[in-house]
């Protein structure tokens, strides 16, 4: 991740623990979506257990990785919205 925004110069790293909320948002959203994907597959009997397990593990690991950068961007945007620079 860049240290500063190339357009406006905003410093991204605000110190230790700043992005903890972004990690929490990312994890909750990703695991909710993953559960919504694999739970109907697990309840139904049309797919083999191994395939359902592969889908569940793939979604539970892949979605937080995919959502890492967008969640950090969302966290910075929320911070800028709630704490505008004067």
N, C-alpha and C. Protein backbone atom coordinates (compact mmCIF):
# COMPACT_ATOMS: atom_id res chain seq x y z
N UNK A 1 0.85 -1.18 0.00
CA UNK A 1 0.00 0.00 0.00
C UNK A 1 0.89 1.24 0.00
N UNK A 2 0.49 2.22 -0.75
CA UNK A 2 1.26 3.46 -0.80
C UNK A 2 1.23 4.15 0.57
N UNK A 3 2.29 4.90 0.86
CA UNK A 3 2.33 5.65 2.11
C UNK A 3 1.34 6.82 2.08
N UNK A 4 1.26 7.48 0.93
CA UNK A 4 0.35 8.62 0.76
C UNK A 4 -0.44 8.47 -0.54
N UNK A 5 -1.59 9.12 -0.58
CA UNK A 5 -2.41 9.12 -1.79
C UNK A 5 -1.68 9.92 -2.87
N UNK A 6 -1.54 9.37 -4.08
CA UNK A 6 -0.84 10.09 -5.13
C UNK A 6 -1.60 11.32 -5.63
N UNK A 7 -2.90 11.39 -5.37
CA UNK A 7 -3.71 12.52 -5.85
C UNK A 7 -3.76 13.64 -4.83
N UNK A 8 -4.17 13.32 -3.59
CA UNK A 8 -4.40 14.38 -2.60
C UNK A 8 -3.33 14.43 -1.51
N UNK A 9 -2.45 13.44 -1.44
CA UNK A 9 -1.40 13.45 -0.44
C UNK A 9 -1.82 12.96 0.93
N UNK A 10 -3.01 12.38 1.07
CA UNK A 10 -3.50 11.88 2.35
C UNK A 10 -2.61 10.75 2.84
N UNK A 11 -2.19 10.83 4.08
CA UNK A 11 -1.35 9.79 4.67
C UNK A 11 -2.25 8.63 5.07
N UNK A 12 -1.97 7.44 4.52
CA UNK A 12 -2.81 6.28 4.77
C UNK A 12 -2.55 5.66 6.14
N UNK A 13 -1.29 5.51 6.51
CA UNK A 13 -0.97 4.84 7.78
C UNK A 13 -1.12 5.84 8.92
N UNK A 14 -2.04 5.57 9.82
CA UNK A 14 -2.32 6.48 10.92
C UNK A 14 -1.76 5.98 12.24
N UNK A 15 -1.03 4.89 12.23
CA UNK A 15 -0.45 4.35 13.46
C UNK A 15 -0.96 2.95 13.74
N UNK A 16 -0.40 2.37 14.78
CA UNK A 16 -0.77 1.01 15.14
C UNK A 16 -2.23 0.94 15.56
N UNK A 17 -2.94 -0.04 15.04
CA UNK A 17 -4.31 -0.26 15.41
C UNK A 17 -5.34 0.53 14.63
N UNK A 18 -4.91 1.38 13.73
CA UNK A 18 -5.86 2.22 12.99
C UNK A 18 -6.81 1.37 12.14
N UNK A 19 -6.30 0.35 11.50
CA UNK A 19 -7.11 -0.44 10.58
C UNK A 19 -7.77 -1.65 11.25
N UNK A 20 -7.80 -1.70 12.57
CA UNK A 20 -8.46 -2.81 13.26
C UNK A 20 -9.94 -2.86 12.91
N UNK A 21 -10.58 -1.73 12.83
CA UNK A 21 -11.99 -1.68 12.43
C UNK A 21 -12.19 -2.18 11.02
N UNK A 22 -11.26 -1.87 10.13
CA UNK A 22 -11.36 -2.35 8.75
C UNK A 22 -11.24 -3.87 8.71
N UNK A 23 -10.35 -4.42 9.51
CA UNK A 23 -10.23 -5.88 9.57
C UNK A 23 -11.52 -6.50 10.09
N UNK A 24 -12.12 -5.88 11.08
CA UNK A 24 -13.37 -6.41 11.64
C UNK A 24 -14.49 -6.36 10.61
N UNK A 25 -14.62 -5.24 9.91
CA UNK A 25 -15.65 -5.11 8.88
C UNK A 25 -15.42 -6.16 7.79
N UNK A 26 -14.19 -6.29 7.35
CA UNK A 26 -13.84 -7.25 6.31
C UNK A 26 -14.20 -8.66 6.75
N UNK A 27 -13.84 -9.03 7.95
CA UNK A 27 -14.09 -10.39 8.42
C UNK A 27 -15.58 -10.67 8.57
N UNK A 28 -16.31 -9.76 9.15
CA UNK A 28 -17.75 -9.97 9.35
C UNK A 28 -18.47 -10.07 8.01
N UNK A 29 -18.19 -9.16 7.10
CA UNK A 29 -18.86 -9.17 5.80
C UNK A 29 -18.46 -10.42 5.00
N UNK A 30 -17.19 -10.73 4.96
CA UNK A 30 -16.71 -11.87 4.17
C UNK A 30 -17.27 -13.19 4.71
N UNK A 31 -17.25 -13.36 6.01
CA UNK A 31 -17.74 -14.63 6.57
C UNK A 31 -19.26 -14.73 6.50
N UNK A 32 -19.96 -13.62 6.55
CA UNK A 32 -21.41 -13.65 6.35
C UNK A 32 -21.74 -14.08 4.93
N UNK A 33 -21.03 -13.54 3.96
CA UNK A 33 -21.24 -13.94 2.56
C UNK A 33 -20.84 -15.39 2.35
N UNK A 34 -19.71 -15.80 2.93
CA UNK A 34 -19.27 -17.19 2.80
C UNK A 34 -20.30 -18.15 3.38
N UNK A 35 -20.86 -17.80 4.52
CA UNK A 35 -21.87 -18.65 5.13
C UNK A 35 -23.13 -18.69 4.26
N UNK A 36 -23.50 -17.57 3.70
CA UNK A 36 -24.67 -17.53 2.81
C UNK A 36 -24.44 -18.36 1.55
N UNK A 37 -23.18 -18.54 1.16
CA UNK A 37 -22.87 -19.36 -0.02
C UNK A 37 -22.91 -20.84 0.32
N UNK A 38 -22.21 -21.23 1.39
CA UNK A 38 -22.06 -22.67 1.62
C UNK A 38 -23.16 -23.30 2.47
N UNK A 39 -23.87 -22.53 3.28
CA UNK A 39 -24.90 -23.13 4.13
C UNK A 39 -26.02 -23.78 3.32
N UNK A 40 -26.57 -23.12 2.29
CA UNK A 40 -27.58 -23.83 1.49
C UNK A 40 -27.04 -25.08 0.81
N UNK A 41 -25.77 -25.05 0.43
CA UNK A 41 -25.17 -26.24 -0.18
C UNK A 41 -25.03 -27.36 0.84
N UNK A 42 -24.70 -27.00 2.08
CA UNK A 42 -24.51 -28.01 3.12
C UNK A 42 -25.84 -28.62 3.55
N UNK A 43 -26.90 -27.83 3.54
CA UNK A 43 -28.21 -28.33 3.95
C UNK A 43 -28.80 -29.23 2.87
N UNK A 44 -28.61 -28.85 1.63
CA UNK A 44 -29.12 -29.65 0.52
C UNK A 44 -28.33 -30.94 0.37
N UNK A 45 -28.90 -31.87 -0.32
CA UNK A 45 -28.24 -33.17 -0.50
C UNK A 45 -27.80 -33.39 -1.95
N UNK A 46 -27.78 -32.34 -2.75
CA UNK A 46 -27.45 -32.51 -4.16
C UNK A 46 -25.95 -32.54 -4.42
N UNK A 47 -25.14 -31.95 -3.54
CA UNK A 47 -23.69 -31.92 -3.74
C UNK A 47 -23.00 -32.85 -2.77
N UNK A 48 -21.89 -33.45 -3.19
CA UNK A 48 -21.12 -34.29 -2.26
C UNK A 48 -20.50 -33.44 -1.14
N UNK A 49 -20.25 -34.08 -0.02
CA UNK A 49 -19.72 -33.39 1.15
C UNK A 49 -18.36 -32.77 0.84
N UNK A 50 -17.53 -33.45 0.09
CA UNK A 50 -16.20 -32.93 -0.25
C UNK A 50 -16.29 -31.63 -1.06
N UNK A 51 -17.23 -31.57 -1.98
CA UNK A 51 -17.40 -30.37 -2.79
C UNK A 51 -17.91 -29.21 -1.94
N UNK A 52 -18.85 -29.48 -1.04
CA UNK A 52 -19.37 -28.44 -0.16
C UNK A 52 -18.26 -27.94 0.75
N UNK A 53 -17.43 -28.84 1.26
CA UNK A 53 -16.31 -28.44 2.11
C UNK A 53 -15.32 -27.58 1.33
N UNK A 54 -15.03 -27.95 0.10
CA UNK A 54 -14.11 -27.16 -0.72
C UNK A 54 -14.67 -25.77 -0.99
N UNK A 55 -15.95 -25.67 -1.28
CA UNK A 55 -16.58 -24.37 -1.52
C UNK A 55 -16.54 -23.53 -0.24
N UNK A 56 -16.87 -24.15 0.89
CA UNK A 56 -16.88 -23.43 2.17
C UNK A 56 -15.51 -22.93 2.57
N UNK A 57 -14.51 -23.78 2.45
CA UNK A 57 -13.14 -23.38 2.82
C UNK A 57 -12.63 -22.32 1.85
N UNK A 58 -12.89 -22.51 0.57
CA UNK A 58 -12.46 -21.53 -0.43
C UNK A 58 -13.09 -20.16 -0.21
N UNK A 59 -14.38 -20.15 0.08
CA UNK A 59 -15.06 -18.87 0.32
C UNK A 59 -14.60 -18.24 1.63
N UNK A 60 -14.41 -19.04 2.66
CA UNK A 60 -14.01 -18.50 3.96
C UNK A 60 -12.59 -17.95 3.95
N UNK A 61 -11.76 -18.47 3.09
CA UNK A 61 -10.38 -17.96 2.99
C UNK A 61 -10.27 -16.90 1.89
N UNK A 62 -10.93 -17.12 0.77
CA UNK A 62 -10.78 -16.23 -0.37
C UNK A 62 -11.45 -14.88 -0.22
N UNK A 63 -12.64 -14.86 0.36
CA UNK A 63 -13.36 -13.58 0.46
C UNK A 63 -12.67 -12.55 1.35
N UNK A 64 -12.11 -12.92 2.51
CA UNK A 64 -11.38 -11.91 3.28
C UNK A 64 -10.14 -11.38 2.54
N UNK A 65 -9.50 -12.24 1.76
CA UNK A 65 -8.33 -11.79 0.99
C UNK A 65 -8.77 -10.81 -0.09
N UNK A 66 -9.87 -11.11 -0.77
CA UNK A 66 -10.37 -10.23 -1.83
C UNK A 66 -10.85 -8.90 -1.24
N UNK A 67 -11.43 -8.93 -0.05
CA UNK A 67 -11.98 -7.72 0.55
C UNK A 67 -11.00 -6.90 1.37
N UNK A 68 -9.74 -7.30 1.42
CA UNK A 68 -8.76 -6.61 2.27
C UNK A 68 -8.58 -5.15 1.89
N UNK A 69 -8.25 -4.88 0.66
CA UNK A 69 -8.01 -3.49 0.24
C UNK A 69 -9.29 -2.65 0.23
N UNK A 70 -10.42 -3.18 -0.29
CA UNK A 70 -11.64 -2.37 -0.23
C UNK A 70 -12.08 -2.04 1.19
N UNK A 71 -11.87 -2.94 2.13
CA UNK A 71 -12.26 -2.64 3.51
C UNK A 71 -11.38 -1.54 4.10
N UNK A 72 -10.12 -1.53 3.75
CA UNK A 72 -9.24 -0.45 4.22
C UNK A 72 -9.66 0.89 3.61
N UNK A 73 -10.02 0.88 2.32
CA UNK A 73 -10.48 2.10 1.66
C UNK A 73 -11.78 2.59 2.29
N UNK A 74 -12.68 1.66 2.58
CA UNK A 74 -13.94 2.02 3.24
C UNK A 74 -13.67 2.62 4.61
N UNK A 75 -12.74 2.04 5.35
CA UNK A 75 -12.42 2.56 6.68
C UNK A 75 -11.86 3.98 6.61
N UNK A 76 -10.98 4.24 5.66
CA UNK A 76 -10.43 5.59 5.50
C UNK A 76 -11.55 6.56 5.09
N UNK A 77 -12.44 6.11 4.21
CA UNK A 77 -13.55 6.98 3.77
C UNK A 77 -14.47 7.30 4.94
N UNK A 78 -14.78 6.32 5.77
CA UNK A 78 -15.60 6.57 6.96
C UNK A 78 -14.91 7.53 7.92
N UNK A 79 -13.60 7.35 8.07
CA UNK A 79 -12.85 8.25 8.95
C UNK A 79 -12.88 9.68 8.42
N UNK A 80 -12.72 9.84 7.12
CA UNK A 80 -12.75 11.17 6.52
C UNK A 80 -14.16 11.78 6.60
N UNK A 81 -15.18 10.94 6.51
CA UNK A 81 -16.55 11.43 6.60
C UNK A 81 -16.87 11.89 8.02
N UNK A 82 -16.45 11.11 9.00
CA UNK A 82 -16.79 11.42 10.40
C UNK A 82 -15.82 12.40 11.04
N UNK A 83 -14.60 12.47 10.53
CA UNK A 83 -13.58 13.39 11.05
C UNK A 83 -12.98 14.20 9.90
N UNK A 84 -13.73 15.13 9.34
CA UNK A 84 -13.22 15.88 8.19
C UNK A 84 -12.01 16.75 8.57
N UNK A 85 -11.16 16.96 7.59
CA UNK A 85 -10.01 17.83 7.80
C UNK A 85 -10.48 19.26 7.70
N UNK A 86 -10.11 20.06 8.69
CA UNK A 86 -10.56 21.45 8.67
C UNK A 86 -9.57 22.36 8.00
